[in-house]
Amino acid sequence: MNLIKIMYFKGMVFLITAVFFFSSCEEPPPPINENYIVLENYELMVMRKDMGKNTWSGACSICEQLRFGGFFDWRLPTQAELLIMYNERNNIGGFDTFNNIRYWSSTPYIGGFYVCLNFTTGQIENYIDNPNHQPLAFRCVRDSSPSLTSVIK
């Protein structure tokens, strides 16, 4: 009878130890990064600082070539994502909201024009991709829950 009690006790100790061990193995929250922010509600990662000013095609090229934070799938935001960025601008930080700064989106309009957003007024506008026109600001974004193939090995 004592042998059964001892085996029962050892089994319970093992089970309790396993429960505590596996419950402590939860994935930690993503680290806070000064260069980008993860907008978890939108599954979107956004650069915290402007990448400069450029034509639409130049901005696209810079985002596509960016290798940063262990990822290589950076891109210009869509029109919808740019609106999210505008709405979350205080959480993201670093936007110039006083000088009629326009930000590129990846969304085409017509005839070489692309959708942009004025971060002073919050208005959607269209602007041409032409090196003879004033360049616009841009920030690169990426999906925060992409496939494993987007990670630099």
N, C-alpha and C. Protein backbone atom coordinates (compact mmCIF):
# COMPACT_ATOMS: atom_id res chain seq x y z
N MET A 1 0.82 -1.20 0.00
CA MET A 1 0.00 0.00 0.00
C MET A 1 0.86 1.25 0.00
N ASN A 2 1.95 1.25 0.78
CA ASN A 2 2.84 2.40 0.83
C ASN A 2 3.48 2.67 -0.53
N LEU A 3 3.80 1.60 -1.27
CA LEU A 3 4.40 1.75 -2.59
C LEU A 3 3.44 2.46 -3.54
N ILE A 4 2.17 2.18 -3.45
CA ILE A 4 1.17 2.84 -4.29
C ILE A 4 1.07 4.32 -3.94
N LYS A 5 1.10 4.65 -2.64
CA LYS A 5 1.05 6.05 -2.22
C LYS A 5 2.28 6.81 -2.70
N ILE A 6 3.45 6.18 -2.61
CA ILE A 6 4.69 6.83 -3.05
C ILE A 6 4.64 7.08 -4.55
N MET A 7 4.19 6.09 -5.32
CA MET A 7 4.11 6.25 -6.78
C MET A 7 3.08 7.33 -7.14
N TYR A 8 1.97 7.36 -6.41
CA TYR A 8 0.95 8.39 -6.65
C TYR A 8 1.52 9.78 -6.35
N PHE A 9 2.24 9.91 -5.23
CA PHE A 9 2.83 11.18 -4.85
C PHE A 9 3.86 11.64 -5.90
N LYS A 10 4.73 10.75 -6.36
CA LYS A 10 5.74 11.09 -7.38
C LYS A 10 5.06 11.50 -8.69
N GLY A 11 4.01 10.82 -9.05
CA GLY A 11 3.27 11.16 -10.26
C GLY A 11 2.64 12.55 -10.17
N MET A 12 2.08 12.88 -9.02
CA MET A 12 1.48 14.21 -8.83
C MET A 12 2.54 15.30 -8.87
N VAL A 13 3.71 15.06 -8.25
CA VAL A 13 4.80 16.03 -8.27
C VAL A 13 5.24 16.26 -9.71
N PHE A 14 5.38 15.19 -10.47
CA PHE A 14 5.79 15.30 -11.87
C PHE A 14 4.75 16.11 -12.66
N LEU A 15 3.49 15.82 -12.48
CA LEU A 15 2.42 16.51 -13.20
C LEU A 15 2.39 18.00 -12.86
N ILE A 16 2.49 18.34 -11.59
CA ILE A 16 2.48 19.75 -11.17
C ILE A 16 3.70 20.47 -11.73
N THR A 17 4.87 19.84 -11.69
CA THR A 17 6.09 20.43 -12.23
C THR A 17 5.93 20.69 -13.73
N ALA A 18 5.36 19.75 -14.46
CA ALA A 18 5.16 19.91 -15.90
C ALA A 18 4.20 21.06 -16.19
N VAL A 19 3.13 21.19 -15.42
CA VAL A 19 2.17 22.27 -15.62
C VAL A 19 2.84 23.63 -15.40
N PHE A 20 3.60 23.76 -14.31
CA PHE A 20 4.30 25.03 -14.07
C PHE A 20 5.33 25.33 -15.14
N PHE A 21 6.06 24.32 -15.59
CA PHE A 21 7.08 24.53 -16.62
C PHE A 21 6.45 25.00 -17.92
N PHE A 22 5.44 24.31 -18.39
CA PHE A 22 4.85 24.67 -19.68
C PHE A 22 4.05 25.97 -19.62
N SER A 23 3.50 26.31 -18.46
CA SER A 23 2.78 27.57 -18.37
C SER A 23 3.74 28.75 -18.35
N SER A 24 4.99 28.53 -17.98
CA SER A 24 5.98 29.61 -17.99
C SER A 24 6.66 29.75 -19.34
N CYS A 25 6.33 28.93 -20.31
CA CYS A 25 6.96 28.96 -21.63
C CYS A 25 6.18 29.80 -22.64
N GLU A 26 5.34 30.70 -22.15
CA GLU A 26 4.59 31.55 -23.06
C GLU A 26 5.54 32.45 -23.83
N GLU A 27 5.15 32.77 -25.05
CA GLU A 27 5.99 33.63 -25.88
C GLU A 27 6.00 35.05 -25.31
N PRO A 28 7.20 35.63 -25.14
CA PRO A 28 7.25 36.99 -24.58
C PRO A 28 6.72 38.00 -25.57
N PRO A 29 6.26 39.16 -25.09
CA PRO A 29 5.78 40.19 -26.02
C PRO A 29 6.95 40.71 -26.87
N PRO A 30 6.67 41.23 -28.07
CA PRO A 30 7.75 41.73 -28.90
C PRO A 30 8.47 42.88 -28.20
N PRO A 31 9.80 42.96 -28.38
CA PRO A 31 10.53 44.03 -27.71
C PRO A 31 10.14 45.39 -28.28
N ILE A 32 10.21 46.40 -27.43
CA ILE A 32 9.96 47.77 -27.89
C ILE A 32 11.17 48.21 -28.69
N ASN A 33 10.93 48.72 -29.86
CA ASN A 33 12.01 49.11 -30.75
C ASN A 33 11.88 50.58 -31.07
N GLU A 34 12.97 51.32 -31.03
CA GLU A 34 12.92 52.75 -31.31
C GLU A 34 12.81 53.04 -32.81
N ASN A 35 13.04 52.03 -33.65
CA ASN A 35 13.02 52.24 -35.10
C ASN A 35 11.70 51.89 -35.76
N TYR A 36 10.92 51.01 -35.15
CA TYR A 36 9.62 50.65 -35.71
C TYR A 36 8.66 50.33 -34.57
N ILE A 37 7.38 50.35 -34.91
CA ILE A 37 6.33 50.02 -33.94
C ILE A 37 5.42 48.98 -34.56
N VAL A 38 4.94 48.07 -33.74
CA VAL A 38 3.98 47.07 -34.19
C VAL A 38 2.59 47.52 -33.75
N LEU A 39 1.72 47.75 -34.71
CA LEU A 39 0.32 48.07 -34.42
C LEU A 39 -0.44 46.74 -34.42
N GLU A 40 -0.51 46.12 -33.24
CA GLU A 40 -1.03 44.76 -33.14
C GLU A 40 -2.46 44.64 -33.63
N ASN A 41 -3.31 45.64 -33.38
CA ASN A 41 -4.71 45.56 -33.81
C ASN A 41 -4.83 45.49 -35.33
N TYR A 42 -3.82 45.96 -36.04
CA TYR A 42 -3.86 46.00 -37.50
C TYR A 42 -2.85 45.03 -38.13
N GLU A 43 -2.10 44.30 -37.29
CA GLU A 43 -1.04 43.41 -37.76
C GLU A 43 -0.12 44.13 -38.73
N LEU A 44 0.33 45.32 -38.31
CA LEU A 44 1.14 46.17 -39.17
C LEU A 44 2.35 46.68 -38.39
N MET A 45 3.52 46.59 -39.01
CA MET A 45 4.75 47.14 -38.45
C MET A 45 5.09 48.39 -39.25
N VAL A 46 5.35 49.50 -38.55
CA VAL A 46 5.56 50.81 -39.19
C VAL A 46 6.87 51.41 -38.71
N MET A 47 7.65 51.96 -39.64
CA MET A 47 8.87 52.67 -39.26
C MET A 47 8.48 53.89 -38.42
N ARG A 48 9.24 54.20 -37.40
CA ARG A 48 8.95 55.34 -36.52
C ARG A 48 9.44 56.66 -37.10
N LYS A 49 10.33 56.61 -38.09
CA LYS A 49 10.87 57.83 -38.69
C LYS A 49 10.68 57.80 -40.19
N ASP A 50 10.56 59.00 -40.76
CA ASP A 50 10.47 59.10 -42.22
C ASP A 50 11.73 58.54 -42.86
N MET A 51 11.56 57.99 -44.05
CA MET A 51 12.69 57.46 -44.81
C MET A 51 13.24 58.52 -45.76
N GLY A 52 12.77 59.74 -45.62
CA GLY A 52 13.19 60.83 -46.49
C GLY A 52 12.05 61.23 -47.41
N LYS A 53 12.41 61.90 -48.51
CA LYS A 53 11.44 62.29 -49.54
C LYS A 53 11.96 61.78 -50.87
N ASN A 54 11.02 61.36 -51.71
CA ASN A 54 11.42 60.80 -53.00
C ASN A 54 10.21 60.76 -53.91
N THR A 55 10.45 60.38 -55.16
CA THR A 55 9.35 60.11 -56.08
C THR A 55 8.67 58.83 -55.60
N TRP A 56 7.52 58.52 -56.16
CA TRP A 56 6.82 57.30 -55.78
C TRP A 56 7.67 56.08 -56.13
N SER A 57 8.20 56.05 -57.34
CA SER A 57 8.99 54.88 -57.75
C SER A 57 10.27 54.76 -56.92
N GLY A 58 10.89 55.90 -56.59
CA GLY A 58 12.07 55.87 -55.73
C GLY A 58 11.76 55.36 -54.34
N ALA A 59 10.64 55.80 -53.79
CA ALA A 59 10.21 55.35 -52.45
C ALA A 59 9.92 53.85 -52.46
N CYS A 60 9.24 53.38 -53.51
CA CYS A 60 8.95 51.95 -53.62
C CYS A 60 10.25 51.15 -53.63
N SER A 61 11.19 51.61 -54.42
CA SER A 61 12.47 50.91 -54.57
C SER A 61 13.22 50.85 -53.23
N ILE A 62 13.25 51.96 -52.51
CA ILE A 62 13.94 51.99 -51.22
C ILE A 62 13.30 51.00 -50.24
N CYS A 63 11.97 51.00 -50.17
CA CYS A 63 11.28 50.08 -49.26
C CYS A 63 11.54 48.63 -49.65
N GLU A 64 11.49 48.34 -50.94
CA GLU A 64 11.69 46.96 -51.40
C GLU A 64 13.10 46.46 -51.15
N GLN A 65 14.08 47.36 -51.15
CA GLN A 65 15.47 46.97 -50.94
C GLN A 65 15.88 47.00 -49.47
N LEU A 66 15.01 47.50 -48.60
CA LEU A 66 15.33 47.65 -47.19
C LEU A 66 15.48 46.28 -46.53
N ARG A 67 16.57 46.11 -45.82
CA ARG A 67 16.82 44.92 -44.99
C ARG A 67 17.03 45.45 -43.58
N PHE A 68 15.97 45.32 -42.76
CA PHE A 68 16.02 45.97 -41.45
C PHE A 68 15.25 45.16 -40.42
N GLY A 69 15.76 45.12 -39.21
CA GLY A 69 15.08 44.44 -38.11
C GLY A 69 14.97 42.95 -38.30
N GLY A 70 15.81 42.39 -39.18
CA GLY A 70 15.74 40.96 -39.48
C GLY A 70 14.71 40.62 -40.54
N PHE A 71 14.17 41.62 -41.24
CA PHE A 71 13.14 41.38 -42.25
C PHE A 71 13.54 42.00 -43.58
N PHE A 72 13.02 41.44 -44.65
CA PHE A 72 13.31 41.98 -45.98
C PHE A 72 12.04 42.24 -46.79
N ASP A 73 10.89 42.24 -46.16
CA ASP A 73 9.63 42.42 -46.90
C ASP A 73 8.97 43.77 -46.61
N TRP A 74 9.77 44.82 -46.47
CA TRP A 74 9.24 46.17 -46.26
C TRP A 74 8.67 46.68 -47.58
N ARG A 75 7.69 47.59 -47.49
CA ARG A 75 7.01 48.13 -48.68
C ARG A 75 6.34 49.45 -48.31
N LEU A 76 5.86 50.16 -49.33
CA LEU A 76 5.03 51.35 -49.08
C LEU A 76 3.67 50.90 -48.56
N PRO A 77 3.05 51.66 -47.68
CA PRO A 77 1.72 51.29 -47.18
C PRO A 77 0.65 51.48 -48.25
N THR A 78 -0.40 50.69 -48.16
CA THR A 78 -1.56 50.90 -49.02
C THR A 78 -2.29 52.15 -48.55
N GLN A 79 -3.28 52.58 -49.30
CA GLN A 79 -4.09 53.74 -48.89
C GLN A 79 -4.73 53.48 -47.53
N ALA A 80 -5.30 52.29 -47.34
CA ALA A 80 -5.95 51.96 -46.06
C ALA A 80 -4.93 51.96 -44.92
N GLU A 81 -3.73 51.43 -45.16
CA GLU A 81 -2.71 51.41 -44.12
C GLU A 81 -2.21 52.82 -43.81
N LEU A 82 -2.15 53.67 -44.83
CA LEU A 82 -1.74 55.05 -44.61
C LEU A 82 -2.77 55.78 -43.72
N LEU A 83 -4.04 55.48 -43.91
CA LEU A 83 -5.08 56.06 -43.05
C LEU A 83 -4.94 55.55 -41.61
N ILE A 84 -4.58 54.28 -41.45
CA ILE A 84 -4.32 53.74 -40.11
C ILE A 84 -3.15 54.49 -39.49
N MET A 85 -2.09 54.70 -40.27
CA MET A 85 -0.92 55.43 -39.77
C MET A 85 -1.31 56.85 -39.34
N TYR A 86 -2.17 57.47 -40.13
CA TYR A 86 -2.62 58.83 -39.78
C TYR A 86 -3.40 58.80 -38.46
N ASN A 87 -4.30 57.84 -38.33
CA ASN A 87 -5.10 57.74 -37.10
C ASN A 87 -4.26 57.37 -35.89
N GLU A 88 -3.17 56.65 -36.10
CA GLU A 88 -2.29 56.21 -35.01
C GLU A 88 -1.02 57.06 -34.93
N ARG A 89 -1.01 58.23 -35.58
CA ARG A 89 0.20 59.05 -35.68
C ARG A 89 0.80 59.42 -34.34
N ASN A 90 -0.03 59.61 -33.32
CA ASN A 90 0.50 59.95 -32.00
C ASN A 90 1.20 58.75 -31.35
N ASN A 91 0.71 57.55 -31.60
CA ASN A 91 1.36 56.34 -31.08
C ASN A 91 2.65 56.04 -31.83
N ILE A 92 2.63 56.28 -33.14
CA ILE A 92 3.80 55.99 -33.98
C ILE A 92 4.88 57.03 -33.75
N GLY A 93 4.49 58.30 -33.80
CA GLY A 93 5.41 59.40 -33.56
C GLY A 93 6.23 59.79 -34.79
N GLY A 94 6.81 60.99 -34.70
CA GLY A 94 7.75 61.46 -35.71
C GLY A 94 7.17 62.06 -36.96
N PHE A 95 5.86 62.19 -37.08
CA PHE A 95 5.26 62.77 -38.27
C PHE A 95 5.27 64.29 -38.18
N ASP A 96 5.56 64.94 -39.30
CA ASP A 96 5.47 66.40 -39.38
C ASP A 96 4.02 66.72 -39.74
N THR A 97 3.27 67.22 -38.78
CA THR A 97 1.84 67.49 -39.01
C THR A 97 1.56 68.98 -39.17
N PHE A 98 2.60 69.79 -39.35
CA PHE A 98 2.40 71.23 -39.42
C PHE A 98 2.75 71.86 -40.77
N ASN A 99 3.46 71.16 -41.62
CA ASN A 99 3.98 71.76 -42.85
C ASN A 99 3.42 71.15 -44.13
N ASN A 100 2.17 70.70 -44.08
CA ASN A 100 1.52 70.10 -45.26
C ASN A 100 2.37 69.00 -45.88
N ILE A 101 2.92 68.15 -45.04
CA ILE A 101 3.74 67.04 -45.51
C ILE A 101 2.81 65.93 -46.01
N ARG A 102 3.05 65.52 -47.23
CA ARG A 102 2.28 64.44 -47.84
C ARG A 102 3.11 63.16 -47.83
N TYR A 103 2.43 62.04 -47.59
CA TYR A 103 3.09 60.73 -47.56
C TYR A 103 2.53 59.86 -48.67
N TRP A 104 3.44 59.17 -49.36
CA TRP A 104 3.06 58.26 -50.43
C TRP A 104 2.35 57.02 -49.88
N SER A 105 1.40 56.52 -50.67
CA SER A 105 0.87 55.17 -50.47
C SER A 105 1.26 54.37 -51.71
N SER A 106 1.08 53.08 -51.65
CA SER A 106 1.36 52.24 -52.82
C SER A 106 0.16 52.18 -53.77
N THR A 107 -0.93 52.81 -53.41
CA THR A 107 -2.17 52.71 -54.18
C THR A 107 -2.15 53.62 -55.40
N PRO A 108 -2.27 53.03 -56.60
CA PRO A 108 -2.29 53.86 -57.81
C PRO A 108 -3.62 54.58 -57.98
N TYR A 109 -3.58 55.72 -58.64
CA TYR A 109 -4.79 56.44 -59.00
C TYR A 109 -4.99 56.24 -60.50
N ILE A 110 -4.62 57.19 -61.33
CA ILE A 110 -4.65 57.00 -62.78
C ILE A 110 -3.51 57.80 -63.42
N GLY A 111 -3.06 57.34 -64.56
CA GLY A 111 -2.12 58.11 -65.37
C GLY A 111 -0.84 58.54 -64.68
N GLY A 112 -0.20 57.65 -63.91
CA GLY A 112 1.04 58.00 -63.23
C GLY A 112 0.84 58.72 -61.91
N PHE A 113 -0.41 58.89 -61.50
CA PHE A 113 -0.71 59.50 -60.20
C PHE A 113 -0.89 58.39 -59.16
N TYR A 114 -0.54 58.71 -57.93
CA TYR A 114 -0.70 57.76 -56.82
C TYR A 114 -1.35 58.48 -55.65
N VAL A 115 -2.02 57.69 -54.83
CA VAL A 115 -2.71 58.23 -53.66
C VAL A 115 -1.67 58.60 -52.61
N CYS A 116 -1.84 59.78 -52.03
CA CYS A 116 -1.02 60.22 -50.91
C CYS A 116 -1.94 60.81 -49.85
N LEU A 117 -1.39 61.04 -48.68
CA LEU A 117 -2.17 61.59 -47.58
C LEU A 117 -1.44 62.77 -47.00
N ASN A 118 -2.17 63.88 -46.85
CA ASN A 118 -1.63 65.08 -46.24
C ASN A 118 -1.76 64.93 -44.73
N PHE A 119 -0.65 64.84 -44.00
CA PHE A 119 -0.69 64.59 -42.57
C PHE A 119 -1.00 65.84 -41.75
N THR A 120 -1.13 66.99 -42.40
CA THR A 120 -1.58 68.19 -41.70
C THR A 120 -3.09 68.27 -41.71
N THR A 121 -3.68 67.97 -42.88
CA THR A 121 -5.14 68.10 -43.02
C THR A 121 -5.88 66.78 -42.89
N GLY A 122 -5.17 65.67 -43.08
CA GLY A 122 -5.82 64.36 -43.07
C GLY A 122 -6.53 64.04 -44.37
N GLN A 123 -6.31 64.84 -45.39
CA GLN A 123 -6.98 64.68 -46.68
C GLN A 123 -6.22 63.71 -47.59
N ILE A 124 -7.00 62.85 -48.27
CA ILE A 124 -6.44 61.99 -49.31
C ILE A 124 -6.26 62.85 -50.55
N GLU A 125 -5.12 62.73 -51.19
CA GLU A 125 -4.82 63.49 -52.41
C GLU A 125 -4.21 62.55 -53.44
N ASN A 126 -4.02 63.04 -54.63
CA ASN A 126 -3.35 62.30 -55.69
C ASN A 126 -2.16 63.12 -56.15
N TYR A 127 -1.04 62.42 -56.38
CA TYR A 127 0.18 63.12 -56.75
C TYR A 127 0.89 62.30 -57.81
N ILE A 128 1.57 62.99 -58.73
CA ILE A 128 2.20 62.30 -59.85
C ILE A 128 3.61 61.81 -59.48
N ASP A 129 3.95 60.67 -60.02
CA ASP A 129 5.29 60.10 -59.87
C ASP A 129 6.16 60.67 -60.98
N ASN A 130 6.81 61.80 -60.69
CA ASN A 130 7.59 62.49 -61.70
C ASN A 130 8.79 63.15 -61.03
N PRO A 131 10.00 62.89 -61.50
CA PRO A 131 11.18 63.48 -60.87
C PRO A 131 11.24 65.00 -60.97
N ASN A 132 10.43 65.61 -61.85
CA ASN A 132 10.41 67.07 -61.98
C ASN A 132 9.46 67.73 -60.99
N HIS A 133 8.74 66.94 -60.19
CA HIS A 133 7.83 67.47 -59.18
C HIS A 133 8.43 67.29 -57.79
N GLN A 134 7.92 68.04 -56.84
CA GLN A 134 8.41 67.95 -55.47
C GLN A 134 8.26 66.53 -54.94
N PRO A 135 9.32 65.96 -54.35
CA PRO A 135 9.20 64.61 -53.80
C PRO A 135 8.34 64.62 -52.53
N LEU A 136 7.75 63.48 -52.22
CA LEU A 136 6.92 63.35 -51.03
C LEU A 136 7.61 62.46 -49.99
N ALA A 137 7.19 62.61 -48.74
CA ALA A 137 7.73 61.80 -47.64
C ALA A 137 7.17 60.38 -47.75
N PHE A 138 7.86 59.45 -47.11
CA PHE A 138 7.36 58.07 -47.08
C PHE A 138 7.94 57.33 -45.90
N ARG A 139 7.21 56.30 -45.49
CA ARG A 139 7.65 55.37 -44.46
C ARG A 139 7.37 53.97 -44.95
N CYS A 140 8.26 53.07 -44.66
CA CYS A 140 8.07 51.68 -45.03
C CYS A 140 7.27 50.96 -43.95
N VAL A 141 6.49 50.00 -44.38
CA VAL A 141 5.69 49.16 -43.48
C VAL A 141 5.87 47.70 -43.89
N ARG A 142 5.39 46.82 -43.03
CA ARG A 142 5.34 45.40 -43.36
C ARG A 142 4.26 44.76 -42.51
N ASP A 143 3.78 43.61 -42.95
CA ASP A 143 2.83 42.86 -42.13
C ASP A 143 3.57 42.36 -40.90
N SER A 144 2.95 42.45 -39.74
CA SER A 144 3.65 42.02 -38.52
C SER A 144 3.52 40.53 -38.28
N SER A 145 2.69 39.84 -39.03
CA SER A 145 2.59 38.38 -38.91
C SER A 145 2.73 37.75 -40.29
N PRO A 146 3.92 37.90 -40.91
CA PRO A 146 4.13 37.38 -42.26
C PRO A 146 4.52 35.91 -42.23
N SER A 147 4.73 35.38 -43.40
CA SER A 147 5.22 34.00 -43.50
C SER A 147 6.67 33.97 -43.04
N LEU A 148 7.16 32.79 -42.77
CA LEU A 148 8.55 32.64 -42.30
C LEU A 148 9.56 33.01 -43.38
N THR A 149 9.13 33.07 -44.62
CA THR A 149 10.07 33.38 -45.71
C THR A 149 10.48 34.84 -45.75
N SER A 150 9.86 35.69 -44.93
CA SER A 150 10.21 37.10 -44.94
C SER A 150 11.35 37.44 -43.98
N VAL A 151 11.84 36.46 -43.26
CA VAL A 151 12.89 36.68 -42.28
C VAL A 151 14.24 36.46 -42.93
N ILE A 152 15.18 37.36 -42.69
CA ILE A 152 16.53 37.23 -43.22
C ILE A 152 17.21 36.10 -42.48
N LYS A 153 17.79 35.21 -43.22
CA LYS A 153 18.51 34.05 -42.61
C LYS A 153 19.97 34.36 -42.52
